[in-house]
C-alpha atoms as a PDB file:
ATOM      1  CA  MET A   1      11.925 -48.107  -2.140  1.00  0.00           C
ATOM      2  CA  SER A   2      12.401 -45.083   0.110  1.00  0.00           C
ATOM      3  CA  LYS A   3       9.421 -42.858   0.715  1.00  0.00           C
ATOM      4  CA  THR A   4       9.193 -39.573  -1.160  1.00  0.00           C
ATOM      5  CA  TYR A   5       6.599 -36.824  -1.303  1.00  0.00           C
ATOM      6  CA  LYS A   6       5.853 -37.846  -4.905  1.00  0.00           C
ATOM      7  CA  ASN A   7       5.153 -41.522  -4.213  1.00  0.00           C
ATOM      8  CA  SER A   8       3.021 -40.404  -1.261  1.00  0.00           C
ATOM      9  CA  GLY A   9       0.787 -38.684  -3.772  1.00  0.00           C
ATOM     10  CA  VAL A  10       2.069 -35.104  -4.033  1.00  0.00           C
ATOM     11  CA  ASP A  11       4.004 -34.105  -7.141  1.00  0.00           C
ATOM     12  CA  ILE A  12       5.620 -30.706  -6.529  1.00  0.00           C
ATOM     13  CA  SER A  13       7.146 -30.556 -10.005  1.00  0.00           C
ATOM     14  CA  ALA A  14       3.732 -31.075 -11.620  1.00  0.00           C
ATOM     15  CA  GLY A  15       2.375 -28.187  -9.587  1.00  0.00           C
ATOM     16  CA  ASP A  16       5.259 -25.957 -10.610  1.00  0.00           C
ATOM     17  CA  GLU A  17       4.730 -26.893 -14.253  1.00  0.00           C
ATOM     18  CA  PHE A  18       1.044 -26.007 -13.972  1.00  0.00           C
ATOM     19  CA  ILE A  19       1.835 -22.565 -12.562  1.00  0.00           C
ATOM     20  CA  ASP A  20       4.437 -21.910 -15.253  1.00  0.00           C
ATOM     21  CA  THR A  21       1.933 -22.856 -17.961  1.00  0.00           C
ATOM     22  CA  LEU A  22      -0.612 -20.311 -16.746  1.00  0.00           C
ATOM     23  CA  LYS A  23       1.679 -17.419 -15.827  1.00  0.00           C
ATOM     24  CA  LEU A  24       1.193 -15.398 -18.997  1.00  0.00           C
ATOM     25  CA  LYS A  25      -2.567 -15.902 -18.973  1.00  0.00           C
ATOM     26  CA  VAL A  26      -2.800 -14.839 -15.344  1.00  0.00           C
ATOM     27  CA  LYS A  27      -0.654 -11.758 -16.010  1.00  0.00           C
ATOM     28  CA  SER A  28      -3.123 -10.735 -18.722  1.00  0.00           C
ATOM     29  CA  THR A  29      -5.544  -9.826 -15.902  1.00  0.00           C
ATOM     30  CA  PHE A  30      -3.071  -7.467 -14.196  1.00  0.00           C
ATOM     31  CA  SER A  31      -3.642  -3.739 -13.898  1.00  0.00           C
ATOM     32  CA  LYS A  32      -0.901  -1.151 -13.383  1.00  0.00           C
ATOM     33  CA  SER A  33      -1.578  -1.411  -9.644  1.00  0.00           C
ATOM     34  CA  VAL A  34      -0.286  -5.007  -9.471  1.00  0.00           C
ATOM     35  CA  LEU A  35       3.335  -4.730  -8.321  1.00  0.00           C
ATOM     36  CA  SER A  36       4.360  -8.389  -8.016  1.00  0.00           C
ATOM     37  CA  ASP A  37       4.772 -11.308 -10.352  1.00  0.00           C
ATOM     38  CA  ILE A  38       3.254 -14.761  -9.814  1.00  0.00           C
ATOM     39  CA  GLY A  39       5.301 -16.924  -7.455  1.00  0.00           C
ATOM     40  CA  LEU A  40       6.229 -14.666  -4.553  1.00  0.00           C
ATOM     41  CA  PHE A  41       5.024 -15.436  -1.039  1.00  0.00           C
ATOM     42  CA  GLY A  42       2.563 -12.564  -1.157  1.00  0.00           C
ATOM     43  CA  ALA A  43       0.873 -10.486  -3.835  1.00  0.00           C
ATOM     44  CA  PHE A  44       1.450  -6.727  -3.912  1.00  0.00           C
ATOM     45  CA  TYR A  45      -1.215  -4.210  -4.922  1.00  0.00           C
ATOM     46  CA  ASP A  46      -0.656  -0.456  -4.970  1.00  0.00           C
ATOM     47  CA  ALA A  47      -3.279   1.085  -2.670  1.00  0.00           C
ATOM     48  CA  LYS A  48      -2.934   4.593  -4.043  1.00  0.00           C
ATOM     49  CA  PHE A  49      -6.484   5.447  -5.118  1.00  0.00           C
ATOM     50  CA  GLU A  50      -6.133   8.831  -6.785  1.00  0.00           C
ATOM     51  CA  ASN A  51      -9.809   9.148  -7.735  1.00  0.00           C
ATOM     52  CA  TYR A  52     -11.080   8.526  -4.196  1.00  0.00           C
ATOM     53  CA  LYS A  53     -11.276  10.996  -1.319  1.00  0.00           C
ATOM     54  CA  HIS A  54     -11.893   8.332   1.325  1.00  0.00           C
ATOM     55  CA  PRO A  55     -11.429   4.854  -0.183  1.00  0.00           C
ATOM     56  CA  VAL A  56     -12.902   1.906   1.714  1.00  0.00           C
ATOM     57  CA  LEU A  57     -11.812  -1.647   0.932  1.00  0.00           C
ATOM     58  CA  VAL A  58     -14.572  -4.224   0.599  1.00  0.00           C
ATOM     59  CA  SER A  59     -13.788  -7.949   0.697  1.00  0.00           C
ATOM     60  CA  SER A  60     -15.596 -11.259   0.371  1.00  0.00           C
ATOM     61  CA  VAL A  61     -14.768 -14.959   0.202  1.00  0.00           C
ATOM     62  CA  ASP A  62     -16.848 -17.797  -1.214  1.00  0.00           C
ATOM     63  CA  GLY A  63     -16.970 -21.148  -3.008  1.00  0.00           C
ATOM     64  CA  VAL A  64     -19.366 -22.760  -5.457  1.00  0.00           C
ATOM     65  CA  GLY A  65     -20.700 -25.574  -3.263  1.00  0.00           C
ATOM     66  CA  THR A  66     -21.834 -28.887  -4.666  1.00  0.00           C
ATOM     67  CA  LYS A  67     -22.254 -27.465  -8.156  1.00  0.00           C
ATOM     68  CA  LEU A  68     -18.774 -28.960  -8.420  1.00  0.00           C
ATOM     69  CA  LYS A  69     -20.356 -32.419  -8.405  1.00  0.00           C
ATOM     70  CA  VAL A  70     -22.157 -31.614 -11.657  1.00  0.00           C
ATOM     71  CA  ALA A  71     -18.895 -30.419 -13.224  1.00  0.00           C
ATOM     72  CA  PHE A  72     -17.283 -33.731 -12.203  1.00  0.00           C
ATOM     73  CA  MET A  73     -20.164 -35.737 -13.680  1.00  0.00           C
ATOM     74  CA  MET A  74     -20.038 -33.772 -16.942  1.00  0.00           C
ATOM     75  CA  ASP A  75     -16.227 -33.678 -16.970  1.00  0.00           C
ATOM     76  CA  LYS A  76     -16.683 -30.023 -17.857  1.00  0.00           C
ATOM     77  CA  HIS A  77     -14.569 -27.581 -15.893  1.00  0.00           C
ATOM     78  CA  ASP A  78     -14.254 -24.413 -17.974  1.00  0.00           C
ATOM     79  CA  THR A  79     -17.244 -22.602 -16.438  1.00  0.00           C
ATOM     80  CA  ILE A  80     -16.942 -23.380 -12.733  1.00  0.00           C
ATOM     81  CA  GLY A  81     -14.137 -20.832 -12.279  1.00  0.00           C
ATOM     82  CA  GLN A  82     -16.317 -18.173 -13.882  1.00  0.00           C
ATOM     83  CA  ASP A  83     -19.043 -19.019 -11.365  1.00  0.00           C
ATOM     84  CA  LEU A  84     -16.634 -18.436  -8.508  1.00  0.00           C
ATOM     85  CA  VAL A  85     -15.336 -15.076  -9.707  1.00  0.00           C
ATOM     86  CA  ASN A  86     -18.763 -13.729 -10.697  1.00  0.00           C
ATOM     87  CA  HIS A  87     -20.270 -14.757  -7.368  1.00  0.00           C
ATOM     88  CA  CYS A  88     -17.523 -12.947  -5.454  1.00  0.00           C
ATOM     89  CA  VAL A  89     -17.731  -9.878  -7.707  1.00  0.00           C
ATOM     90  CA  ASN A  90     -21.475  -9.595  -7.098  1.00  0.00           C
ATOM     91  CA  ASP A  91     -21.023  -9.860  -3.336  1.00  0.00           C
ATOM     92  CA  ILE A  92     -18.921  -6.692  -3.206  1.00  0.00           C
ATOM     93  CA  ALA A  93     -20.513  -4.862  -6.148  1.00  0.00           C
ATOM     94  CA  VAL A  94     -23.865  -4.635  -4.336  1.00  0.00           C
ATOM     95  CA  SER A  95     -22.240  -2.299  -1.799  1.00  0.00           C
ATOM     96  CA  GLY A  96     -21.081  -0.048  -4.642  1.00  0.00           C
ATOM     97  CA  ALA A  97     -17.527  -1.400  -4.794  1.00  0.00           C
ATOM     98  CA  GLN A  98     -15.357  -1.834  -7.870  1.00  0.00           C
ATOM     99  CA  PRO A  99     -13.397  -5.125  -7.865  1.00  0.00           C
ATOM    100  CA  LEU A 100      -9.624  -4.719  -7.613  1.00  0.00           C
ATOM    101  CA  PHE A 101      -8.088  -8.156  -7.196  1.00  0.00           C
ATOM    102  CA  PHE A 102      -8.961 -11.805  -6.712  1.00  0.00           C
ATOM    103  CA  LEU A 103      -7.122 -14.765  -5.162  1.00  0.00           C
ATOM    104  CA  ASP A 104      -8.049 -18.407  -5.609  1.00  0.00           C
ATOM    105  CA  TYR A 105      -7.597 -21.697  -3.774  1.00  0.00           C
ATOM    106  CA  PHE A 106      -7.588 -24.909  -5.819  1.00  0.00           C
ATOM    107  CA  ALA A 107      -7.221 -28.238  -4.000  1.00  0.00           C
ATOM    108  CA  SER A 108      -7.339 -31.714  -5.542  1.00  0.00           C
ATOM    109  CA  GLY A 109      -6.561 -35.311  -4.647  1.00  0.00           C
ATOM    110  CA  LYS A 110      -4.192 -35.571  -7.597  1.00  0.00           C
ATOM    111  CA  LEU A 111      -3.447 -32.615  -9.829  1.00  0.00           C
ATOM    112  CA  SER A 112      -4.791 -33.018 -13.360  1.00  0.00           C
ATOM    113  CA  GLN A 113      -3.216 -30.280 -15.463  1.00  0.00           C
ATOM    114  CA  ARG A 114      -6.073 -30.469 -17.990  1.00  0.00           C
ATOM    115  CA  ILE A 115      -8.748 -29.953 -15.351  1.00  0.00           C
ATOM    116  CA  ALA A 116      -6.800 -27.333 -13.426  1.00  0.00           C
ATOM    117  CA  GLU A 117      -6.117 -25.325 -16.579  1.00  0.00           C
ATOM    118  CA  ASP A 118      -9.818 -25.390 -17.461  1.00  0.00           C
ATOM    119  CA  VAL A 119     -10.858 -24.236 -13.984  1.00  0.00           C
ATOM    120  CA  LEU A 120      -8.228 -21.508 -13.743  1.00  0.00           C
ATOM    121  CA  GLY A 121      -8.915 -20.535 -17.344  1.00  0.00           C
ATOM    122  CA  GLY A 122     -12.504 -19.802 -16.334  1.00  0.00           C
ATOM    123  CA  MET A 123     -11.304 -17.642 -13.454  1.00  0.00           C
ATOM    124  CA  ILE A 124      -8.978 -15.730 -15.774  1.00  0.00           C
ATOM    125  CA  LYS A 125     -11.779 -15.154 -18.285  1.00  0.00           C
ATOM    126  CA  ALA A 126     -14.156 -13.847 -15.619  1.00  0.00           C
ATOM    127  CA  CYS A 127     -11.493 -11.675 -13.983  1.00  0.00           C
ATOM    128  CA  LYS A 128     -10.812  -9.990 -17.319  1.00  0.00           C
ATOM    129  CA  GLU A 129     -14.540  -9.498 -17.959  1.00  0.00           C
ATOM    130  CA  ASN A 130     -14.957  -7.904 -14.519  1.00  0.00           C
ATOM    131  CA  GLY A 131     -11.818  -5.759 -14.672  1.00  0.00           C
ATOM    132  CA  CYS A 132     -10.313  -7.655 -11.748  1.00  0.00           C
ATOM    133  CA  ALA A 133      -6.684  -8.774 -11.396  1.00  0.00           C
ATOM    134  CA  LEU A 134      -6.000 -12.406 -10.491  1.00  0.00           C
ATOM    135  CA  ILE A 135      -2.919 -11.670  -8.413  1.00  0.00           C
ATOM    136  CA  GLY A 136      -2.323 -14.889  -6.504  1.00  0.00           C
ATOM    137  CA  GLY A 137      -3.602 -18.199  -5.289  1.00  0.00           C
ATOM    138  CA  GLU A 138      -2.815 -21.617  -3.867  1.00  0.00           C
ATOM    139  CA  THR A 139      -2.744 -24.989  -5.622  1.00  0.00           C
ATOM    140  CA  ALA A 140      -2.733 -27.980  -3.276  1.00  0.00           C
ATOM    141  CA  GLU A 141      -2.587 -31.735  -3.819  1.00  0.00           C
ATOM    142  CA  MET A 142      -4.260 -33.522  -0.902  1.00  0.00           C
ATOM    143  CA  PRO A 143      -4.407 -37.302  -1.479  1.00  0.00           C
ATOM    144  CA  GLY A 144      -6.745 -38.972   0.980  1.00  0.00           C
ATOM    145  CA  ILE A 145      -8.871 -35.844   1.289  1.00  0.00           C
ATOM    146  CA  TYR A 146     -10.185 -35.620  -2.289  1.00  0.00           C
ATOM    147  CA  HIS A 147     -10.736 -38.386  -4.840  1.00  0.00           C
ATOM    148  CA  ASP A 148      -8.655 -38.306  -8.008  1.00  0.00           C
ATOM    149  CA  GLN A 149     -10.255 -36.075 -10.679  1.00  0.00           C
ATOM    150  CA  GLU A 150     -12.139 -34.205  -7.968  1.00  0.00           C
ATOM    151  CA  TYR A 151     -11.259 -30.827  -6.456  1.00  0.00           C
ATOM    152  CA  ASP A 152     -12.537 -27.910  -4.438  1.00  0.00           C
ATOM    153  CA  ILE A 153     -12.180 -24.207  -5.144  1.00  0.00           C
ATOM    154  CA  ALA A 154     -12.597 -21.020  -3.163  1.00  0.00           C
ATOM    155  CA  GLY A 155     -12.006 -17.387  -3.976  1.00  0.00           C
ATOM    156  CA  MET A 156     -11.320 -14.156  -2.136  1.00  0.00           C
ATOM    157  CA  ILE A 157     -11.943 -10.744  -3.651  1.00  0.00           C
ATOM    158  CA  VAL A 158     -11.086  -7.180  -2.644  1.00  0.00           C
ATOM    159  CA  GLY A 159     -12.688  -4.052  -4.068  1.00  0.00           C
ATOM    160  CA  VAL A 160     -12.875  -0.356  -3.278  1.00  0.00           C
ATOM    161  CA  VAL A 161     -15.700   2.120  -2.784  1.00  0.00           C
ATOM    162  CA  GLU A 162     -15.849   5.802  -1.858  1.00  0.00           C
ATOM    163  CA  LYS A 163     -17.004   5.921   1.772  1.00  0.00           C
ATOM    164  CA  SER A 164     -19.731   8.463   1.020  1.00  0.00           C
ATOM    165  CA  LYS A 165     -21.064   6.226  -1.765  1.00  0.00           C
ATOM    166  CA  ILE A 166     -21.370   2.941   0.147  1.00  0.00           C
ATOM    167  CA  ILE A 167     -24.729   1.264  -0.520  1.00  0.00           C
ATOM    168  CA  ASP A 168     -25.707  -0.364   2.771  1.00  0.00           C
ATOM    169  CA  GLY A 169     -29.502  -0.133   2.993  1.00  0.00           C
ATOM    170  CA  LYS A 170     -29.615   2.652   5.587  1.00  0.00           C
ATOM    171  CA  LYS A 171     -31.809   4.783   3.279  1.00  0.00           C
ATOM    172  CA  ILE A 172     -34.455   2.066   2.855  1.00  0.00           C
ATOM    173  CA  LYS A 173     -37.921   3.141   3.988  1.00  0.00           C
ATOM    174  CA  PRO A 174     -41.525   1.917   3.785  1.00  0.00           C
ATOM    175  CA  ASP A 175     -43.056   1.794   0.290  1.00  0.00           C
ATOM    176  CA  ASP A 176     -39.658   1.415  -1.416  1.00  0.00           C
ATOM    177  CA  VAL A 177     -39.927  -0.768  -4.513  1.00  0.00           C
ATOM    178  CA  LEU A 178     -38.184  -4.127  -5.083  1.00  0.00           C
ATOM    179  CA  ILE A 179     -36.749  -4.350  -8.601  1.00  0.00           C
ATOM    180  CA  ALA A 180     -35.481  -7.754  -9.715  1.00  0.00           C
ATOM    181  CA  ILE A 181     -32.908  -8.634 -12.357  1.00  0.00           C
ATOM    182  CA  PRO A 182     -33.256 -12.233 -13.586  1.00  0.00           C
ATOM    183  CA  SER A 183     -30.989 -15.168 -12.867  1.00  0.00           C
ATOM    184  CA  ASN A 184     -30.442 -17.873 -15.482  1.00  0.00           C
ATOM    185  CA  GLY A 185     -31.033 -20.752 -13.091  1.00  0.00           C
ATOM    186  CA  LEU A 186     -29.585 -21.994  -9.813  1.00  0.00           C
ATOM    187  CA  HIS A 187     -26.374 -19.920 -10.072  1.00  0.00           C
ATOM    188  CA  THR A 188     -24.287 -21.505  -7.288  1.00  0.00           C
ATOM    189  CA  ASN A 189     -26.848 -22.296  -4.594  1.00  0.00           C
ATOM    190  CA  GLY A 190     -29.260 -25.109  -3.772  1.00  0.00           C
ATOM    191  CA  TYR A 191     -27.391 -27.848  -5.605  1.00  0.00           C
ATOM    192  CA  SER A 192     -27.489 -30.396  -2.796  1.00  0.00           C
ATOM    193  CA  LEU A 193     -31.281 -30.376  -2.844  1.00  0.00           C
ATOM    194  CA  ALA A 194     -31.458 -30.122  -6.638  1.00  0.00           C
ATOM    195  CA  ARG A 195     -29.112 -33.073  -7.145  1.00  0.00           C
ATOM    196  CA  SER A 196     -30.955 -35.249  -4.637  1.00  0.00           C
ATOM    197  CA  VAL A 197     -34.183 -34.681  -6.590  1.00  0.00           C
ATOM    198  CA  LEU A 198     -33.054 -34.604 -10.211  1.00  0.00           C
ATOM    199  CA  PHE A 199     -30.562 -37.458 -10.227  1.00  0.00           C
ATOM    200  CA  GLU A 200     -33.124 -39.876  -8.824  1.00  0.00           C
ATOM    201  CA  ARG A 201     -34.915 -39.464 -12.149  1.00  0.00           C
ATOM    202  CA  PHE A 202     -32.317 -38.389 -14.729  1.00  0.00           C
ATOM    203  CA  GLU A 203     -28.734 -38.967 -15.768  1.00  0.00           C
ATOM    204  CA  VAL A 204     -26.588 -35.873 -16.171  1.00  0.00           C
ATOM    205  CA  ASP A 205     -26.454 -36.290 -19.975  1.00  0.00           C
ATOM    206  CA  ASP A 206     -30.208 -36.823 -20.398  1.00  0.00           C
ATOM    207  CA  PHE A 207     -32.002 -34.392 -22.694  1.00  0.00           C
ATOM    208  CA  VAL A 208     -34.945 -33.050 -20.698  1.00  0.00           C
ATOM    209  CA  ASP A 209     -37.825 -31.862 -22.867  1.00  0.00           C
ATOM    210  CA  GLU A 210     -39.084 -29.419 -20.242  1.00  0.00           C
ATOM    211  CA  LEU A 211     -35.678 -27.719 -20.206  1.00  0.00           C
ATOM    212  CA  GLY A 212     -34.937 -27.911 -23.920  1.00  0.00           C
ATOM    213  CA  MET A 213     -31.384 -29.115 -23.246  1.00  0.00           C
ATOM    214  CA  ARG A 214     -29.366 -31.716 -21.384  1.00  0.00           C
ATOM    215  CA  LEU A 215     -29.795 -31.628 -17.619  1.00  0.00           C
ATOM    216  CA  GLY A 216     -26.096 -31.066 -16.987  1.00  0.00           C
ATOM    217  CA  GLU A 217     -26.032 -28.087 -19.351  1.00  0.00           C
ATOM    218  CA  THR A 218     -28.875 -26.469 -17.442  1.00  0.00           C
ATOM    219  CA  LEU A 219     -27.202 -27.048 -14.092  1.00  0.00           C
ATOM    220  CA  LEU A 220     -23.874 -25.630 -15.303  1.00  0.00           C
ATOM    221  CA  GLN A 221     -25.320 -22.335 -16.551  1.00  0.00           C
ATOM    222  CA  ILE A 222     -22.795 -19.697 -15.490  1.00  0.00           C
ATOM    223  CA  HIS A 223     -23.578 -17.583 -12.438  1.00  0.00           C
ATOM    224  CA  ILE A 224     -24.217 -14.139 -13.936  1.00  0.00           C
ATOM    225  CA  SER A 225     -22.034 -11.143 -13.064  1.00  0.00           C
ATOM    226  CA  TYR A 226     -24.231  -8.125 -12.347  1.00  0.00           C
ATOM    227  CA  LEU A 227     -21.331  -5.683 -12.136  1.00  0.00           C
ATOM    228  CA  HIS A 228     -22.243  -3.855 -15.352  1.00  0.00           C
ATOM    229  CA  ALA A 229     -25.880  -3.386 -14.328  1.00  0.00           C
ATOM    230  CA  ILE A 230     -24.890  -2.238 -10.845  1.00  0.00           C
ATOM    231  CA  ASP A 231     -22.319   0.223 -12.190  1.00  0.00           C
ATOM    232  CA  ILE A 232     -24.999   1.846 -14.334  1.00  0.00           C
ATOM    233  CA  ILE A 233     -27.544   2.451 -11.571  1.00  0.00           C
ATOM    234  CA  LYS A 234     -25.567   2.647  -8.320  1.00  0.00           C
ATOM    235  CA  ALA A 235     -25.126   6.436  -8.416  1.00  0.00           C
ATOM    236  CA  MET A 236     -28.823   7.101  -9.057  1.00  0.00           C
ATOM    237  CA  SER A 237     -30.515   8.898  -6.177  1.00  0.00           C
ATOM    238  CA  GLY A 238     -33.356   6.392  -5.931  1.00  0.00           C
ATOM    239  CA  VAL A 239     -31.104   3.393  -5.189  1.00  0.00           C
ATOM    240  CA  HIS A 240     -31.404   2.600  -1.480  1.00  0.00           C
ATOM    241  CA  GLY A 241     -30.027  -0.939  -1.428  1.00  0.00           C
ATOM    242  CA  ILE A 242     -28.897  -3.845  -3.617  1.00  0.00           C
ATOM    243  CA  ALA A 243     -28.987  -7.535  -2.668  1.00  0.00           C
ATOM    244  CA  HIS A 244     -27.205 -10.433  -4.346  1.00  0.00           C
ATOM    245  CA  ILE A 245     -29.579 -13.420  -4.169  1.00  0.00           C
ATOM    246  CA  THR A 246     -27.595 -16.469  -3.065  1.00  0.00           C
ATOM    247  CA  GLY A 247     -28.140 -19.098  -0.367  1.00  0.00           C
ATOM    248  CA  GLY A 248     -31.221 -18.177   1.638  1.00  0.00           C
ATOM    249  CA  GLY A 249     -33.218 -17.032  -1.357  1.00  0.00           C
ATOM    250  CA  ILE A 250     -34.813 -13.721  -2.240  1.00  0.00           C
ATOM    251  CA  GLU A 251     -36.251 -12.855   1.141  1.00  0.00           C
ATOM    252  CA  GLY A 252     -33.332 -14.141   3.208  1.00  0.00           C
ATOM    253  CA  ASN A 253     -30.785 -12.070   1.315  1.00  0.00           C
ATOM    254  CA  THR A 254     -32.807  -8.908   0.797  1.00  0.00           C
ATOM    255  CA  LYS A 255     -33.811  -8.721   4.479  1.00  0.00           C
ATOM    256  CA  ARG A 256     -30.126  -8.416   5.393  1.00  0.00           C
ATOM    257  CA  LEU A 257     -30.307  -4.782   4.198  1.00  0.00           C
ATOM    258  CA  LEU A 258     -33.504  -3.717   5.940  1.00  0.00           C
ATOM    259  CA  PRO A 259     -33.435  -1.295   8.865  1.00  0.00           C
ATOM    260  CA  VAL A 260     -35.061  -2.622  12.049  1.00  0.00           C
ATOM    261  CA  GLY A 261     -38.856  -2.693  11.897  1.00  0.00           C
ATOM    262  CA  LEU A 262     -39.201  -3.073   8.127  1.00  0.00           C
ATOM    263  CA  GLN A 263     -40.371  -6.137   6.208  1.00  0.00           C
ATOM    264  CA  LEU A 264     -40.754  -7.299   2.608  1.00  0.00           C
ATOM    265  CA  GLU A 265     -43.955  -7.812   0.677  1.00  0.00           C
ATOM    266  CA  ILE A 266     -43.151 -10.015  -2.329  1.00  0.00           C
ATOM    267  CA  ASP A 267     -45.474 -11.079  -5.128  1.00  0.00           C
ATOM    268  CA  TRP A 268     -44.042 -14.607  -5.355  1.00  0.00           C
ATOM    269  CA  PHE A 269     -45.964 -15.560  -8.475  1.00  0.00           C
ATOM    270  CA  GLY A 270     -45.563 -12.257 -10.293  1.00  0.00           C
ATOM    271  CA  TRP A 271     -42.840 -13.491 -12.656  1.00  0.00           C
ATOM    272  CA  GLU A 272     -42.078 -16.584 -14.696  1.00  0.00           C
ATOM    273  CA  ARG A 273     -39.542 -18.792 -12.971  1.00  0.00           C
ATOM    274  CA  PRO A 274     -36.898 -20.636 -15.023  1.00  0.00           C
ATOM    275  CA  LYS A 275     -38.173 -24.108 -15.864  1.00  0.00           C
ATOM    276  CA  ILE A 276     -35.529 -25.870 -13.770  1.00  0.00           C
ATOM    277  CA  PHE A 277     -37.256 -24.682 -10.601  1.00  0.00           C
ATOM    278  CA  GLY A 278     -40.616 -26.035 -11.681  1.00  0.00           C
ATOM    279  CA  LEU A 279     -39.012 -29.380 -12.496  1.00  0.00           C
ATOM    280  CA  ILE A 280     -37.311 -29.609  -9.094  1.00  0.00           C
ATOM    281  CA  ASN A 281     -40.529 -28.598  -7.349  1.00  0.00           C
ATOM    282  CA  LYS A 282     -42.611 -31.184  -9.199  1.00  0.00           C
ATOM    283  CA  LEU A 283     -40.245 -34.152  -8.972  1.00  0.00           C
ATOM    284  CA  GLY A 284     -39.299 -33.549  -5.353  1.00  0.00           C
ATOM    285  CA  ASP A 285     -42.743 -32.576  -4.091  1.00  0.00           C
ATOM    286  CA  ILE A 286     -40.997 -29.683  -2.343  1.00  0.00           C
ATOM    287  CA  THR A 287     -43.044 -27.144  -0.410  1.00  0.00           C
ATOM    288  CA  GLU A 288     -43.227 -23.579  -1.690  1.00  0.00           C
ATOM    289  CA  ASP A 289     -41.660 -22.375   1.559  1.00  0.00           C
ATOM    290  CA  GLU A 290     -38.664 -24.675   1.066  1.00  0.00           C
ATOM    291  CA  MET A 291     -38.275 -23.555  -2.553  1.00  0.00           C
ATOM    292  CA  ARG A 292     -38.234 -19.919  -1.455  1.00  0.00           C
ATOM    293  CA  LYS A 293     -35.636 -20.522   1.274  1.00  0.00           C
ATOM    294  CA  THR A 294     -33.325 -22.630  -0.895  1.00  0.00           C
ATOM    295  CA  PHE A 295     -33.363 -21.201  -4.423  1.00  0.00           C
ATOM    296  CA  ASN A 296     -33.220 -17.798  -6.115  1.00  0.00           C
ATOM    297  CA  LEU A 297     -36.316 -18.774  -8.188  1.00  0.00           C
ATOM    298  CA  GLY A 298     -35.171 -16.743 -11.161  1.00  0.00           C
ATOM    299  CA  VAL A 299     -34.043 -13.587  -9.361  1.00  0.00           C
ATOM    300  CA  GLY A 300     -30.302 -12.933  -9.209  1.00  0.00           C
ATOM    301  CA  LEU A 301     -30.315  -9.362  -7.945  1.00  0.00           C
ATOM    302  CA  VAL A 302     -32.775  -7.157  -6.063  1.00  0.00           C
ATOM    303  CA  ILE A 303     -32.518  -3.368  -6.204  1.00  0.00           C
ATOM    304  CA  ILE A 304     -34.419  -1.523  -3.480  1.00  0.00           C
ATOM    305  CA  SER A 305     -35.525   1.822  -4.879  1.00  0.00           C
ATOM    306  CA  SER A 306     -37.468   4.823  -3.728  1.00  0.00           C
ATOM    307  CA  ARG A 307     -41.056   4.920  -4.985  1.00  0.00           C
ATOM    308  CA  LYS A 308     -40.246   8.161  -6.783  1.00  0.00           C
ATOM    309  CA  GLY A 309     -37.165   6.816  -8.566  1.00  0.00           C
ATOM    310  CA  TYR A 310     -37.978   3.221  -9.510  1.00  0.00           C
ATOM    311  CA  GLU A 311     -39.406   3.920 -12.980  1.00  0.00           C
ATOM    312  CA  LYS A 312     -36.232   5.745 -14.014  1.00  0.00           C
ATOM    313  CA  ILE A 313     -34.136   2.812 -12.787  1.00  0.00           C
ATOM    314  CA  LEU A 314     -36.276   0.414 -14.806  1.00  0.00           C
ATOM    315  CA  ASP A 315     -35.842   2.599 -17.899  1.00  0.00           C
ATOM    316  CA  VAL A 316     -32.049   2.790 -17.522  1.00  0.00           C
ATOM    317  CA  LEU A 317     -31.729  -0.971 -17.051  1.00  0.00           C
ATOM    318  CA  ASN A 318     -33.979  -1.698 -20.018  1.00  0.00           C
ATOM    319  CA  ASP A 319     -31.924   0.664 -22.162  1.00  0.00           C
ATOM    320  CA  VAL A 320     -28.778  -1.427 -21.583  1.00  0.00           C
ATOM    321  CA  GLY A 321     -30.468  -4.728 -22.349  1.00  0.00           C
ATOM    322  CA  GLU A 322     -31.366  -5.912 -18.858  1.00  0.00           C
ATOM    323  CA  LYS A 323     -34.844  -7.280 -18.201  1.00  0.00           C
ATOM    324  CA  PRO A 324     -35.840  -5.872 -14.808  1.00  0.00           C
ATOM    325  CA  PHE A 325     -39.235  -6.395 -13.219  1.00  0.00           C
ATOM    326  CA  VAL A 326     -40.939  -5.320 -10.005  1.00  0.00           C
ATOM    327  CA  ILE A 327     -41.494  -8.063  -7.432  1.00  0.00           C
ATOM    328  CA  GLY A 328     -42.802  -6.188  -4.402  1.00  0.00           C
ATOM    329  CA  LYS A 329     -42.165  -3.449  -1.877  1.00  0.00           C
ATOM    330  CA  VAL A 330     -40.922  -2.639   1.610  1.00  0.00           C
ATOM    331  CA  ILE A 331     -43.540  -2.475   4.360  1.00  0.00           C
ATOM    332  CA  VAL A 332     -43.682  -1.788   8.090  1.00  0.00           C
END
């Protein structure tokens, strides 16, 4: 039999069928600024920003790391795409940007339409929730690189912010207050360490009394989008900086905003951490320093506020159903 691309492991027609199946759902995320349909070589977005005097584009790219391994073990793929979009949205929202459009990369050993539709369905859901158009992407079959039923995903996002309203930490000064907004667990960071500890003791489907649910359900909690909370407080005069807490933990991410010469003073035991962190800490005999560097420890977002303005920020966030709490301050 002569060699073909299909019997080498890549089925172009299956990929085309997958794209055709999702076209209408993807188009449901489009805004009036999207000028192209799915399938062209490039995606077109109208960059006429009538409500901006000096628009600045803000971009970010990310993945979801080895959280994918838990999705494979659970054979549950409808939330992992939401993780990806929300993570990327948060990364640009902390600078004050509004998300405009998102592009994805989905690569597998052998394309499973069921799995791919679940993953992309999650991206579509999150894009709609964040007011972000999913305007393009790439689907690749790569036999020999990925095992069948396994895949990798990445996303790229572009947003816009008024230049005069960029939040970049330059206003941060000593005695500013650190306001935290909770995470619901690991989000999308620290899974390599978490898996190495937890799966020595548990199976993914085990009900864990300390967690009140199956282990896999806890580990697949969706990475929260903080766009709504950020939109509400970003124009307030007391907001000097906002940090999305991802790999590197609370201190590692928040320090990225600090002007030279300033440090953080954090009350590390001033809030109740989600139970998953206590379980990882106990079973793995992990040092507190390692926990702080690896995990968000229950803090998904840190808002750095002036001492004068922090109480008003707390009030506004509480009024919209957030549960903010103070975790420390900026020091010299």
